[in-house]
Amino acid sequence: MAKLKKMPDEPKRRTELAGLDGRSFTNRVDELLRRAKIAGLNVDVFEAKRSTKRQKWMHKHLAAGPDGKKRRSSHQDSLGVDIVFKDEKGEWSWAESNDWNQLGEIAESVGLAWGGRWKKPVRSHFQSRELFDIFEITDIELSHGAIASCGGCSSCSSNL
């Protein structure tokens, strides 16, 4: 697998969990990583909190997710994290052969929502389960104006 290269104008990717929102979410992510290691899954945090600048860049250059302003990513609100496998050389790996289902099941068992269940799956994405309760209560809009960044899932009655 080719080594991941940073594009020249790409804003910094943050991997530290310290910037995530609330002890509950951070503890769940820590527990997911702990259980994944016990299960023999070689994974790590690829990206945690995301700046608005990076979200806008990703939307523009990679056609990835919300635009960062009108629609915010759960990463921007410190409630989303991307966890990715590492290969035998320690390089990031999104290979189909990785056990994404086991990782997703572990995440769900600790109370996280897994992007692998969305209509447009994002297997490496995990976010606060509480976001779905908020979306259902407020018609897919958070009280501070952010809209769901997910592609919708069987848990969400709305087509996002």
N, C-alpha and C. Protein backbone atom coordinates (compact mmCIF):
# COMPACT_ATOMS: atom_id res chain seq x y z
N MET A 1 0.85 -1.17 0.00
CA MET A 1 0.00 0.00 0.00
C MET A 1 0.89 1.23 0.00
N ALA A 2 0.50 2.23 -0.79
CA ALA A 2 1.27 3.46 -0.88
C ALA A 2 1.15 4.26 0.41
N LYS A 3 2.22 4.96 0.73
CA LYS A 3 2.22 5.79 1.93
C LYS A 3 1.31 7.00 1.72
N LEU A 4 0.55 7.35 2.74
CA LEU A 4 -0.36 8.49 2.68
C LEU A 4 0.44 9.77 2.57
N LYS A 5 0.14 10.57 1.54
CA LYS A 5 0.87 11.82 1.34
C LYS A 5 -0.04 12.99 1.62
N LYS A 6 0.50 13.98 2.30
CA LYS A 6 -0.23 15.21 2.60
C LYS A 6 -0.13 16.12 1.38
N MET A 7 -1.28 16.66 0.96
CA MET A 7 -1.27 17.59 -0.16
C MET A 7 -0.70 18.93 0.32
N PRO A 8 -0.07 19.71 -0.56
CA PRO A 8 0.61 20.95 -0.15
C PRO A 8 -0.25 21.93 0.64
N ASP A 9 -1.49 22.13 0.27
CA ASP A 9 -2.33 23.12 0.96
C ASP A 9 -3.28 22.48 1.98
N GLU A 10 -3.06 21.21 2.28
CA GLU A 10 -3.96 20.49 3.19
C GLU A 10 -3.77 20.94 4.64
N PRO A 11 -4.86 21.40 5.28
CA PRO A 11 -4.75 21.77 6.70
C PRO A 11 -4.42 20.55 7.57
N LYS A 12 -3.79 20.79 8.70
CA LYS A 12 -3.34 19.73 9.60
C LYS A 12 -4.49 18.84 10.07
N ARG A 13 -4.20 17.55 10.12
CA ARG A 13 -5.13 16.55 10.65
C ARG A 13 -4.79 16.33 12.11
N ARG A 14 -5.80 16.42 12.99
CA ARG A 14 -5.57 16.25 14.44
C ARG A 14 -5.98 14.84 14.87
N THR A 15 -5.13 14.20 15.66
CA THR A 15 -5.40 12.83 16.10
C THR A 15 -5.60 12.70 17.60
N GLU A 16 -5.30 13.76 18.36
CA GLU A 16 -5.38 13.65 19.82
C GLU A 16 -6.84 13.61 20.27
N LEU A 17 -7.09 12.77 21.26
CA LEU A 17 -8.44 12.64 21.81
C LEU A 17 -8.75 13.73 22.82
N ALA A 18 -7.74 14.41 23.30
CA ALA A 18 -7.95 15.43 24.34
C ALA A 18 -8.91 16.53 23.90
N GLY A 19 -8.98 16.80 22.61
CA GLY A 19 -9.85 17.87 22.11
C GLY A 19 -11.29 17.45 21.90
N LEU A 20 -11.60 16.20 22.16
CA LEU A 20 -12.97 15.73 21.93
C LEU A 20 -13.92 16.25 22.99
N ASP A 21 -15.19 16.25 22.67
CA ASP A 21 -16.21 16.83 23.54
C ASP A 21 -16.63 15.86 24.64
N GLY A 22 -16.42 16.27 25.84
CA GLY A 22 -16.94 15.52 26.99
C GLY A 22 -16.20 14.26 27.30
N ARG A 23 -16.18 13.95 28.58
CA ARG A 23 -15.54 12.74 29.07
C ARG A 23 -16.21 11.48 28.54
N SER A 24 -17.51 11.50 28.44
CA SER A 24 -18.26 10.32 28.02
C SER A 24 -17.83 9.86 26.63
N PHE A 25 -17.79 10.77 25.66
CA PHE A 25 -17.40 10.40 24.30
C PHE A 25 -15.94 9.95 24.25
N THR A 26 -15.07 10.71 24.89
CA THR A 26 -13.65 10.36 24.92
C THR A 26 -13.44 9.00 25.57
N ASN A 27 -14.13 8.73 26.66
CA ASN A 27 -14.01 7.44 27.34
C ASN A 27 -14.48 6.30 26.44
N ARG A 28 -15.52 6.53 25.67
CA ARG A 28 -16.02 5.48 24.76
C ARG A 28 -15.01 5.20 23.66
N VAL A 29 -14.40 6.24 23.13
CA VAL A 29 -13.38 6.06 22.09
C VAL A 29 -12.17 5.31 22.68
N ASP A 30 -11.74 5.71 23.87
CA ASP A 30 -10.64 5.00 24.54
C ASP A 30 -10.99 3.52 24.74
N GLU A 31 -12.21 3.26 25.15
CA GLU A 31 -12.64 1.88 25.38
C GLU A 31 -12.69 1.09 24.07
N LEU A 32 -13.14 1.73 23.00
CA LEU A 32 -13.12 1.08 21.68
C LEU A 32 -11.70 0.69 21.30
N LEU A 33 -10.76 1.60 21.46
CA LEU A 33 -9.37 1.31 21.12
C LEU A 33 -8.80 0.19 21.99
N ARG A 34 -9.14 0.20 23.27
CA ARG A 34 -8.67 -0.85 24.20
C ARG A 34 -9.21 -2.22 23.79
N ARG A 35 -10.52 -2.29 23.54
CA ARG A 35 -11.13 -3.58 23.17
C ARG A 35 -10.67 -4.06 21.80
N ALA A 36 -10.45 -3.11 20.88
CA ALA A 36 -9.96 -3.50 19.56
C ALA A 36 -8.58 -4.13 19.67
N LYS A 37 -7.73 -3.56 20.52
CA LYS A 37 -6.39 -4.11 20.72
C LYS A 37 -6.48 -5.52 21.31
N ILE A 38 -7.35 -5.71 22.30
CA ILE A 38 -7.54 -7.04 22.90
C ILE A 38 -8.01 -8.04 21.85
N ALA A 39 -8.85 -7.56 20.92
CA ALA A 39 -9.37 -8.43 19.86
C ALA A 39 -8.35 -8.68 18.76
N GLY A 40 -7.18 -8.06 18.87
CA GLY A 40 -6.13 -8.26 17.88
C GLY A 40 -6.25 -7.37 16.65
N LEU A 41 -7.04 -6.30 16.76
CA LEU A 41 -7.19 -5.37 15.65
C LEU A 41 -6.16 -4.26 15.79
N ASN A 42 -5.35 -4.07 14.77
CA ASN A 42 -4.31 -3.04 14.79
C ASN A 42 -4.90 -1.75 14.22
N VAL A 43 -5.46 -0.93 15.10
CA VAL A 43 -6.12 0.31 14.69
C VAL A 43 -5.61 1.48 15.53
N ASP A 44 -5.84 2.68 15.01
CA ASP A 44 -5.47 3.88 15.75
C ASP A 44 -6.33 5.03 15.24
N VAL A 45 -6.28 6.14 15.96
CA VAL A 45 -7.05 7.32 15.57
C VAL A 45 -6.37 7.97 14.37
N PHE A 46 -7.10 8.07 13.27
CA PHE A 46 -6.62 8.75 12.08
C PHE A 46 -6.94 10.24 12.15
N GLU A 47 -8.15 10.55 12.63
CA GLU A 47 -8.53 11.96 12.80
C GLU A 47 -9.60 12.07 13.87
N ALA A 48 -9.45 13.11 14.69
CA ALA A 48 -10.43 13.38 15.75
C ALA A 48 -11.07 14.73 15.46
N LYS A 49 -10.83 15.71 16.32
CA LYS A 49 -11.42 17.04 16.12
C LYS A 49 -10.89 17.64 14.81
N ARG A 50 -11.80 18.26 14.06
CA ARG A 50 -11.45 18.83 12.76
C ARG A 50 -11.78 20.31 12.74
N SER A 51 -10.84 21.10 12.29
CA SER A 51 -11.08 22.55 12.17
C SER A 51 -12.05 22.83 11.02
N THR A 52 -12.69 23.96 11.09
CA THR A 52 -13.57 24.38 9.99
C THR A 52 -12.77 24.52 8.71
N LYS A 53 -11.55 25.05 8.83
CA LYS A 53 -10.69 25.20 7.66
C LYS A 53 -10.43 23.84 6.99
N ARG A 54 -10.12 22.83 7.79
CA ARG A 54 -9.86 21.49 7.23
C ARG A 54 -11.14 20.90 6.63
N GLN A 55 -12.28 21.06 7.31
CA GLN A 55 -13.53 20.52 6.79
C GLN A 55 -13.86 21.15 5.43
N LYS A 56 -13.71 22.46 5.32
CA LYS A 56 -13.96 23.14 4.05
C LYS A 56 -13.00 22.63 2.98
N TRP A 57 -11.72 22.43 3.34
CA TRP A 57 -10.73 21.92 2.40
C TRP A 57 -11.13 20.52 1.92
N MET A 58 -11.52 19.67 2.85
CA MET A 58 -11.90 18.30 2.49
C MET A 58 -13.12 18.29 1.57
N HIS A 59 -14.07 19.13 1.87
CA HIS A 59 -15.28 19.22 1.04
C HIS A 59 -14.91 19.66 -0.38
N LYS A 60 -14.03 20.64 -0.48
CA LYS A 60 -13.64 21.19 -1.79
C LYS A 60 -12.77 20.21 -2.59
N HIS A 61 -11.75 19.64 -1.96
CA HIS A 61 -10.77 18.84 -2.68
C HIS A 61 -11.09 17.35 -2.74
N LEU A 62 -11.83 16.87 -1.77
CA LEU A 62 -12.11 15.43 -1.74
C LEU A 62 -13.59 15.12 -1.87
N ALA A 63 -14.41 16.16 -2.02
CA ALA A 63 -15.87 16.01 -2.07
C ALA A 63 -16.34 15.19 -0.88
N ALA A 64 -15.73 15.45 0.27
CA ALA A 64 -16.00 14.68 1.47
C ALA A 64 -16.90 15.42 2.43
N GLY A 65 -18.05 14.85 2.71
CA GLY A 65 -18.91 15.33 3.77
C GLY A 65 -19.41 16.75 3.64
N PRO A 66 -19.86 17.30 4.75
CA PRO A 66 -20.44 18.64 4.79
C PRO A 66 -19.44 19.72 4.40
N ASP A 67 -19.97 20.88 4.05
CA ASP A 67 -19.11 21.99 3.61
C ASP A 67 -18.39 22.68 4.76
N GLY A 68 -18.76 22.39 5.99
CA GLY A 68 -18.06 22.94 7.15
C GLY A 68 -18.67 24.23 7.67
N LYS A 69 -19.59 24.82 6.93
CA LYS A 69 -20.21 26.06 7.37
C LYS A 69 -21.72 25.87 7.48
N LYS A 70 -22.41 25.66 6.36
CA LYS A 70 -23.86 25.44 6.40
C LYS A 70 -24.17 24.09 7.03
N ARG A 71 -23.35 23.10 6.71
CA ARG A 71 -23.47 21.78 7.32
C ARG A 71 -22.15 21.44 7.98
N ARG A 72 -22.20 21.16 9.26
CA ARG A 72 -20.99 20.86 10.03
C ARG A 72 -20.81 19.36 10.17
N SER A 73 -19.56 18.95 10.25
CA SER A 73 -19.21 17.57 10.52
C SER A 73 -19.23 17.33 12.03
N SER A 74 -19.51 16.11 12.43
CA SER A 74 -19.43 15.77 13.86
C SER A 74 -17.99 15.95 14.36
N HIS A 75 -17.01 15.86 13.47
CA HIS A 75 -15.62 16.12 13.84
C HIS A 75 -15.44 17.57 14.30
N GLN A 76 -16.09 18.51 13.62
CA GLN A 76 -15.97 19.92 13.99
C GLN A 76 -16.53 20.18 15.37
N ASP A 77 -17.54 19.41 15.75
CA ASP A 77 -18.17 19.58 17.06
C ASP A 77 -17.57 18.64 18.10
N SER A 78 -16.42 18.06 17.78
CA SER A 78 -15.68 17.19 18.70
C SER A 78 -16.47 15.96 19.12
N LEU A 79 -17.35 15.49 18.24
CA LEU A 79 -18.19 14.32 18.56
C LEU A 79 -18.02 13.21 17.53
N GLY A 80 -16.98 13.32 16.70
CA GLY A 80 -16.70 12.30 15.70
C GLY A 80 -15.22 11.98 15.66
N VAL A 81 -14.91 10.76 15.25
CA VAL A 81 -13.52 10.32 15.18
C VAL A 81 -13.41 9.28 14.06
N ASP A 82 -12.28 9.30 13.34
CA ASP A 82 -12.00 8.28 12.34
C ASP A 82 -10.93 7.36 12.90
N ILE A 83 -11.22 6.09 12.89
CA ILE A 83 -10.29 5.07 13.37
C ILE A 83 -10.00 4.14 12.21
N VAL A 84 -8.72 3.96 11.92
CA VAL A 84 -8.30 3.24 10.73
C VAL A 84 -7.30 2.15 11.12
N PHE A 85 -7.32 1.07 10.34
CA PHE A 85 -6.37 -0.03 10.54
C PHE A 85 -4.98 0.39 10.09
N LYS A 86 -3.99 -0.29 10.67
CA LYS A 86 -2.60 -0.12 10.24
C LYS A 86 -2.11 -1.48 9.75
N ASP A 87 -1.35 -1.45 8.64
CA ASP A 87 -0.83 -2.69 8.09
C ASP A 87 0.45 -3.11 8.82
N GLU A 88 1.07 -4.17 8.35
CA GLU A 88 2.26 -4.70 9.02
C GLU A 88 3.45 -3.75 8.99
N LYS A 89 3.42 -2.75 8.09
CA LYS A 89 4.48 -1.75 8.02
C LYS A 89 4.13 -0.50 8.84
N GLY A 90 2.95 -0.52 9.48
CA GLY A 90 2.53 0.63 10.27
C GLY A 90 1.88 1.73 9.46
N GLU A 91 1.56 1.44 8.20
CA GLU A 91 0.91 2.42 7.32
C GLU A 91 -0.61 2.30 7.46
N TRP A 92 -1.31 3.41 7.25
CA TRP A 92 -2.78 3.41 7.31
C TRP A 92 -3.33 2.50 6.23
N SER A 93 -4.38 1.75 6.57
CA SER A 93 -4.97 0.81 5.63
C SER A 93 -6.50 0.84 5.71
N TRP A 94 -7.12 1.14 4.57
CA TRP A 94 -8.57 1.12 4.46
C TRP A 94 -9.02 -0.11 3.66
N ALA A 95 -8.16 -1.13 3.61
CA ALA A 95 -8.41 -2.33 2.78
C ALA A 95 -9.70 -3.03 3.18
N GLU A 96 -10.38 -3.56 2.18
CA GLU A 96 -11.62 -4.34 2.40
C GLU A 96 -11.34 -5.54 3.31
N SER A 97 -10.12 -6.08 3.25
CA SER A 97 -9.79 -7.28 4.02
C SER A 97 -9.70 -7.03 5.52
N ASN A 98 -9.63 -5.78 5.94
CA ASN A 98 -9.63 -5.46 7.37
C ASN A 98 -10.98 -5.83 7.96
N ASP A 99 -11.01 -6.18 9.21
CA ASP A 99 -12.26 -6.60 9.85
C ASP A 99 -13.05 -5.40 10.36
N TRP A 100 -13.58 -4.61 9.42
CA TRP A 100 -14.36 -3.41 9.75
C TRP A 100 -15.61 -3.77 10.54
N ASN A 101 -16.23 -4.91 10.21
CA ASN A 101 -17.45 -5.30 10.94
C ASN A 101 -17.17 -5.55 12.41
N GLN A 102 -16.07 -6.23 12.71
CA GLN A 102 -15.73 -6.47 14.11
C GLN A 102 -15.45 -5.14 14.82
N LEU A 103 -14.73 -4.24 14.17
CA LEU A 103 -14.45 -2.94 14.76
C LEU A 103 -15.75 -2.18 15.01
N GLY A 104 -16.66 -2.21 14.03
CA GLY A 104 -17.96 -1.54 14.18
C GLY A 104 -18.78 -2.13 15.31
N GLU A 105 -18.77 -3.45 15.44
CA GLU A 105 -19.52 -4.11 16.52
C GLU A 105 -18.95 -3.74 17.88
N ILE A 106 -17.63 -3.66 17.98
CA ILE A 106 -17.02 -3.26 19.25
C ILE A 106 -17.44 -1.82 19.57
N ALA A 107 -17.39 -0.95 18.58
CA ALA A 107 -17.79 0.45 18.79
C ALA A 107 -19.22 0.54 19.29
N GLU A 108 -20.11 -0.18 18.66
CA GLU A 108 -21.52 -0.15 19.07
C GLU A 108 -21.70 -0.71 20.47
N SER A 109 -20.87 -1.68 20.83
CA SER A 109 -20.99 -2.28 22.17
C SER A 109 -20.57 -1.32 23.28
N VAL A 110 -19.78 -0.29 22.93
CA VAL A 110 -19.38 0.71 23.93
C VAL A 110 -20.22 1.99 23.81
N GLY A 111 -21.25 1.95 22.97
CA GLY A 111 -22.18 3.07 22.88
C GLY A 111 -21.88 4.11 21.82
N LEU A 112 -21.06 3.75 20.83
CA LEU A 112 -20.78 4.67 19.72
C LEU A 112 -21.63 4.29 18.51
N ALA A 113 -21.89 5.26 17.66
CA ALA A 113 -22.54 5.01 16.37
C ALA A 113 -21.44 4.76 15.36
N TRP A 114 -21.66 3.79 14.46
CA TRP A 114 -20.66 3.40 13.48
C TRP A 114 -21.12 3.81 12.08
N GLY A 115 -20.28 4.54 11.38
CA GLY A 115 -20.60 4.98 10.03
C GLY A 115 -20.71 3.85 9.02
N GLY A 116 -20.29 2.67 9.36
CA GLY A 116 -20.42 1.51 8.47
C GLY A 116 -21.86 1.07 8.28
N ARG A 117 -22.77 1.56 9.10
CA ARG A 117 -24.20 1.21 8.98
C ARG A 117 -24.99 2.25 8.19
N TRP A 118 -24.34 3.32 7.77
CA TRP A 118 -25.05 4.36 7.04
C TRP A 118 -25.42 3.92 5.63
N LYS A 119 -26.37 4.62 5.04
CA LYS A 119 -26.77 4.32 3.65
C LYS A 119 -25.57 4.44 2.72
N LYS A 120 -24.73 5.43 2.96
CA LYS A 120 -23.45 5.57 2.25
C LYS A 120 -22.37 5.30 3.30
N PRO A 121 -21.97 4.03 3.47
CA PRO A 121 -21.08 3.66 4.58
C PRO A 121 -19.74 4.41 4.58
N VAL A 122 -19.35 4.79 5.80
CA VAL A 122 -18.02 5.35 6.06
C VAL A 122 -17.49 4.50 7.22
N ARG A 123 -16.85 3.38 6.86
CA ARG A 123 -16.46 2.37 7.85
C ARG A 123 -15.51 2.87 8.92
N SER A 124 -14.71 3.88 8.61
CA SER A 124 -13.71 4.36 9.57
C SER A 124 -14.27 5.41 10.53
N HIS A 125 -15.53 5.80 10.36
CA HIS A 125 -16.10 6.89 11.16
C HIS A 125 -16.93 6.38 12.33
N PHE A 126 -16.70 7.01 13.48
CA PHE A 126 -17.44 6.68 14.70
C PHE A 126 -17.83 8.00 15.34
N GLN A 127 -19.03 8.05 15.89
CA GLN A 127 -19.46 9.29 16.53
C GLN A 127 -20.35 9.01 17.71
N SER A 128 -20.62 10.07 18.44
CA SER A 128 -21.45 9.96 19.62
C SER A 128 -22.82 9.42 19.24
N ARG A 129 -23.25 8.40 19.93
CA ARG A 129 -24.57 7.80 19.70
C ARG A 129 -25.67 8.82 19.99
N GLU A 130 -25.42 9.72 20.93
CA GLU A 130 -26.41 10.71 21.33
C GLU A 130 -26.81 11.62 20.18
N LEU A 131 -25.94 11.77 19.18
CA LEU A 131 -26.28 12.62 18.04
C LEU A 131 -27.56 12.15 17.36
N PHE A 132 -27.76 10.84 17.29
CA PHE A 132 -28.96 10.34 16.63
C PHE A 132 -30.21 10.68 17.41
N ASP A 133 -30.14 10.63 18.74
CA ASP A 133 -31.28 11.02 19.56
C ASP A 133 -31.61 12.49 19.34
N ILE A 134 -30.57 13.32 19.28
CA ILE A 134 -30.77 14.74 19.04
C ILE A 134 -31.40 14.96 17.68
N PHE A 135 -30.91 14.25 16.65
CA PHE A 135 -31.43 14.42 15.31
C PHE A 135 -32.90 14.07 15.24
N GLU A 136 -33.29 12.98 15.88
CA GLU A 136 -34.69 12.56 15.85
C GLU A 136 -35.57 13.58 16.57
N ILE A 137 -35.09 14.12 17.67
CA ILE A 137 -35.88 15.08 18.45
C ILE A 137 -36.01 16.41 17.74
N THR A 138 -34.95 16.85 17.08
CA THR A 138 -34.97 18.20 16.49
C THR A 138 -34.99 18.18 14.97
N ASP A 139 -35.54 17.13 14.41
CA ASP A 139 -35.68 17.05 12.96
C ASP A 139 -34.37 17.22 12.23
N ILE A 140 -33.39 16.43 12.63
CA ILE A 140 -32.08 16.35 12.01
C ILE A 140 -31.25 17.62 12.19
N GLU A 141 -31.59 18.45 13.14
CA GLU A 141 -30.79 19.65 13.35
C GLU A 141 -30.44 19.81 14.82
N LEU A 142 -29.18 19.98 15.11
CA LEU A 142 -28.75 20.21 16.47
C LEU A 142 -29.21 21.58 16.95
N SER A 143 -29.34 21.74 18.23
CA SER A 143 -29.82 22.99 18.79
C SER A 143 -28.95 24.18 18.42
N HIS A 144 -27.66 23.96 18.13
CA HIS A 144 -26.79 25.06 17.75
C HIS A 144 -26.66 25.22 16.24
N GLY A 145 -27.52 24.53 15.48
CA GLY A 145 -27.59 24.75 14.05
C GLY A 145 -26.84 23.78 13.17
N ALA A 146 -26.08 22.86 13.74
CA ALA A 146 -25.35 21.90 12.91
C ALA A 146 -26.30 20.82 12.43
N ILE A 147 -26.11 20.39 11.21
CA ILE A 147 -26.94 19.35 10.62
C ILE A 147 -26.13 18.06 10.59
N ALA A 148 -26.82 16.94 10.65
CA ALA A 148 -26.16 15.64 10.67
C ALA A 148 -25.17 15.50 9.52
N SER A 149 -23.99 15.00 9.82
CA SER A 149 -22.98 14.82 8.80
C SER A 149 -23.02 13.42 8.20
N CYS A 150 -23.82 12.58 8.78
CA CYS A 150 -23.86 11.20 8.30
C CYS A 150 -24.72 11.09 7.05
N GLY A 151 -24.64 9.94 6.43
CA GLY A 151 -25.44 9.68 5.24
C GLY A 151 -26.77 9.04 5.61
N GLY A 152 -27.10 9.02 6.85
CA GLY A 152 -28.32 8.38 7.31
C GLY A 152 -28.08 6.91 7.58
N CYS A 153 -28.88 6.32 8.43
CA CYS A 153 -28.74 4.90 8.71
C CYS A 153 -30.09 4.34 9.12
N SER A 154 -30.11 3.07 9.41
CA SER A 154 -31.36 2.44 9.79
C SER A 154 -31.89 2.98 11.11
N SER A 155 -31.04 3.60 11.91
CA SER A 155 -31.47 4.18 13.17
C SER A 155 -32.14 5.54 12.98
N CYS A 156 -31.94 6.12 11.84
CA CYS A 156 -32.45 7.47 11.58
C CYS A 156 -33.56 7.39 10.55
N SER A 157 -34.71 7.93 10.88
CA SER A 157 -35.87 7.80 10.01
C SER A 157 -35.84 8.74 8.82
N SER A 158 -34.90 9.65 8.78
CA SER A 158 -34.87 10.66 7.73
C SER A 158 -33.81 10.34 6.70
N ASN A 159 -34.04 10.73 5.47
CA ASN A 159 -33.01 10.61 4.43
C ASN A 159 -32.21 11.90 4.43
N LEU A 160 -30.98 11.80 4.85
CA LEU A 160 -30.15 13.01 4.95
C LEU A 160 -29.50 13.30 3.62
